[in-house]
Protein backbone atom coordinates (compact mmCIF):
# COMPACT_ATOMS: atom_id res chain seq x y z
CA MET A 1 67.37 32.65 35.45
CA ASN A 2 71.13 32.86 34.83
CA PRO A 3 72.86 32.10 31.39
CA LEU A 4 73.28 28.22 32.41
CA SER A 5 69.83 27.62 33.11
CA ILE A 6 68.70 29.65 29.63
CA LEU A 7 71.60 27.26 27.62
CA LEU A 8 70.16 24.52 29.32
CA LEU A 9 66.32 25.52 28.75
CA GLY A 10 67.36 26.06 25.33
CA PHE A 11 68.72 22.66 24.66
CA ALA A 12 65.87 20.90 26.39
CA MET A 13 63.22 22.60 24.02
CA SER A 14 65.78 21.15 21.30
CA THR A 15 65.19 17.69 22.32
CA ASP A 16 62.29 16.56 20.72
CA ALA A 17 63.19 18.52 17.64
CA PHE A 18 66.60 16.98 17.71
CA ALA A 19 64.55 13.38 17.70
CA ALA A 20 62.47 14.07 15.15
CA ALA A 21 65.59 15.08 13.21
CA ILE A 22 66.96 11.50 14.10
CA GLY A 23 64.08 9.95 12.49
CA LYS A 24 64.34 12.15 9.67
CA GLY A 25 67.63 11.64 8.90
CA ALA A 26 67.20 7.78 9.41
CA ALA A 27 64.19 8.11 6.60
CA MET A 28 66.24 10.25 3.85
CA THR A 29 68.63 8.16 1.51
CA ARG A 30 71.73 9.81 2.29
CA PRO A 31 71.35 13.23 3.87
CA ARG A 32 73.44 15.94 2.76
CA LEU A 33 74.64 19.17 4.64
CA GLY A 34 72.28 21.42 2.97
CA GLN A 35 69.06 19.38 3.28
CA ALA A 36 70.09 19.11 7.18
CA LEU A 37 70.80 23.06 7.35
CA ARG A 38 67.39 23.56 5.77
CA ALA A 39 65.37 21.50 8.38
CA GLY A 40 67.75 23.13 10.94
CA LEU A 41 66.64 26.74 10.02
CA ILE A 42 62.84 25.88 9.78
CA PHE A 43 62.56 23.66 13.05
CA GLY A 44 64.73 26.71 14.51
CA VAL A 45 62.47 29.59 13.50
CA ILE A 46 59.54 28.05 14.54
CA GLU A 47 61.25 26.96 17.78
CA ALA A 48 62.01 30.78 18.67
CA ILE A 49 58.95 32.03 17.51
CA THR A 50 56.62 29.80 19.81
CA PRO A 51 58.30 30.77 22.95
CA VAL A 52 57.63 34.27 22.27
CA LEU A 53 53.93 33.56 21.85
CA GLY A 54 53.49 32.12 24.73
CA TRP A 55 54.74 34.50 26.75
CA LEU A 56 52.68 37.36 25.33
CA LEU A 57 49.68 35.01 26.58
CA GLY A 58 51.54 34.41 29.77
CA LYS A 59 51.88 38.43 30.38
CA SER A 60 48.30 38.85 30.14
CA ALA A 61 47.35 36.89 32.97
CA SER A 62 50.36 37.45 34.91
CA ARG A 63 48.76 40.20 36.79
CA TYR A 64 46.24 37.51 38.05
CA ILE A 65 48.58 35.33 39.27
CA GLU A 66 51.24 37.26 40.17
CA THR A 67 51.52 35.98 44.09
CA TRP A 68 51.85 32.45 43.18
CA ASP A 69 54.11 32.72 39.28
CA HIS A 70 56.80 30.53 40.19
CA TRP A 71 54.35 27.77 41.15
CA VAL A 72 52.77 27.81 37.90
CA ALA A 73 56.55 28.21 35.85
CA PHE A 74 57.30 24.91 38.07
CA GLY A 75 53.87 23.14 37.30
CA LEU A 76 54.14 23.88 33.77
CA LEU A 77 57.52 22.73 33.39
CA LEU A 78 57.20 20.06 35.38
CA ALA A 79 54.15 18.56 33.41
CA LEU A 80 56.12 19.30 30.03
CA GLY A 81 59.38 17.40 31.23
CA LEU A 82 56.99 14.60 32.49
CA HIS A 83 55.10 14.42 29.09
CA MET A 84 58.34 14.23 27.15
CA ILE A 85 59.64 11.39 29.28
CA TRP A 86 56.71 9.51 29.33
CA ASN A 87 56.45 10.45 25.48
CA ALA A 88 60.10 8.75 24.99
CA LEU A 89 59.09 5.72 26.85
CA LYS A 90 55.67 5.02 24.84
CA PRO A 91 56.16 2.54 22.14
CA ALA A 92 56.93 4.40 19.01
CA THR A 93 54.15 4.34 15.99
CA ASP A 94 55.26 3.38 12.45
CA GLU A 95 54.26 5.39 9.77
CA THR A 96 54.73 4.74 5.92
CA VAL A 97 54.22 7.62 3.42
CA ASP A 98 55.97 9.07 0.44
CA ASP A 99 59.57 9.87 0.34
CA ALA A 100 58.83 13.16 -1.49
CA LYS A 101 55.94 13.99 0.46
CA LYS A 102 58.48 13.46 3.69
CA HIS A 103 60.99 15.93 3.48
CA GLY A 104 59.36 18.92 1.98
CA PHE A 105 58.93 22.04 3.40
CA VAL A 106 55.38 21.59 4.78
CA PRO A 107 56.14 18.30 6.45
CA LEU A 108 59.16 19.70 7.97
CA ALA A 109 57.03 23.27 9.36
CA ILE A 110 54.22 20.85 10.37
CA THR A 111 56.67 18.47 12.39
CA GLY A 112 58.61 21.65 13.65
CA PHE A 113 55.24 23.24 14.92
CA SER A 114 54.36 19.98 16.86
CA THR A 115 58.13 19.67 18.24
CA SER A 116 57.32 23.10 19.52
CA ILE A 117 54.56 23.18 21.56
CA ASP A 118 56.22 22.56 24.37
CA ALA A 119 58.56 25.56 23.97
CA LEU A 120 55.18 27.64 23.68
CA ALA A 121 53.74 25.94 27.27
CA VAL A 122 57.37 27.02 28.12
CA GLY A 123 56.81 30.86 27.18
CA VAL A 124 53.69 30.86 29.04
CA GLY A 125 55.49 29.74 32.30
CA LEU A 126 58.21 32.09 31.71
CA ALA A 127 56.11 35.26 31.45
CA PHE A 128 55.68 34.94 34.99
CA VAL A 129 59.11 35.30 36.50
CA ASP A 130 61.60 37.61 35.36
CA ILE A 131 63.11 36.86 32.29
CA PRO A 132 64.76 38.51 28.84
CA ILE A 133 62.35 36.30 26.47
CA ALA A 134 64.02 37.77 23.37
CA VAL A 135 66.79 36.12 24.72
CA VAL A 136 65.43 32.59 25.69
CA ALA A 137 63.79 32.52 22.03
CA VAL A 138 67.12 33.13 20.64
CA VAL A 139 68.70 30.72 22.69
CA ILE A 140 66.01 28.03 21.90
CA GLY A 141 66.37 28.96 17.95
CA LEU A 142 70.18 28.56 17.93
CA CYS A 143 69.77 25.32 20.34
CA THR A 144 67.19 23.77 17.95
CA PHE A 145 68.81 25.22 14.76
CA SER A 146 72.26 23.15 15.93
CA MET A 147 70.36 20.34 17.36
CA VAL A 148 67.90 19.53 14.08
CA THR A 149 71.39 19.55 12.24
CA LEU A 150 73.14 17.56 13.84
CA GLY A 151 70.06 15.13 14.14
CA ILE A 152 69.19 15.07 10.47
CA MET A 153 73.29 14.23 9.87
CA LEU A 154 73.21 11.62 12.91
CA GLY A 155 70.24 10.25 12.00
CA ARG A 156 70.95 7.27 9.38
CA VAL A 157 74.07 6.15 12.18
CA LEU A 158 72.12 6.65 15.30
CA GLY A 159 68.44 5.96 14.05
CA ALA A 160 65.98 5.40 17.42
CA ILE A 161 68.60 4.59 19.75
CA VAL A 162 69.68 8.22 20.44
CA GLY A 163 66.19 9.51 19.90
CA ARG A 164 63.83 8.28 22.78
CA ARG A 165 67.23 8.77 25.73
CA ALA A 166 67.36 12.32 24.13
CA GLU A 167 63.94 13.06 24.57
CA VAL A 168 64.12 11.41 28.03
CA ILE A 169 67.29 13.70 29.19
CA GLY A 170 65.24 16.82 28.04
CA GLY A 171 62.75 16.00 30.20
CA ILE A 172 64.88 15.86 33.47
CA ILE A 173 66.31 19.33 31.92
CA LEU A 174 63.08 20.83 32.08
CA ILE A 175 62.04 19.18 35.53
CA GLY A 176 65.48 20.69 37.06
CA VAL A 177 64.92 24.34 35.29
CA GLY A 178 61.72 24.41 36.80
CA ALA A 179 62.52 22.92 40.46
CA ALA A 180 65.88 25.64 39.62
CA ILE A 181 63.09 28.95 39.40
CA LEU A 182 60.73 27.67 42.30
CA TYR A 183 64.06 27.67 44.37
CA GLU A 184 65.39 31.14 43.33
CA HIS A 185 61.84 32.50 43.93
CA LEU A 186 61.31 31.13 47.76
CA SER A 187 64.78 31.32 48.73
CA ALA A 188 64.94 34.99 47.67
């Protein structure tokens, strides 16, 4: 994977966290920069750890499927991209939770983990191709930190309008990265 693909992957992995951050920001009375940075840090750290965990799981299985690993990476990224698009297009559910409970560490960590499940699966897929997982994890973490911080601050202004579209774009990018991996291996 080239640096542009890694950067695009980082931003694709951060779009669901960005969408969640917009929702969190829209629910906050007036989000301050400190609150946005805290949420960005929580999401970014979690999002950086999960692809490494997935990569470790994938590496343990890679010797069994080495001949068709690029197809596995493509299939996982395609499935995740389609899943993100599907989630963005389905009707949103409306939850009413006590405001003090919505913005604490535990709810943010749970939301951060739930938006990073796709990064875990991407880590599994990346274990089958020659990729510096530490670089990818740092890029994903930094992109998520930036996007969540921005999402919290923009939440009151943008609300649900951009959040859904961001996930669609992220899904399309994931599918594109998967197609690029498949193309690189088939044309080599």
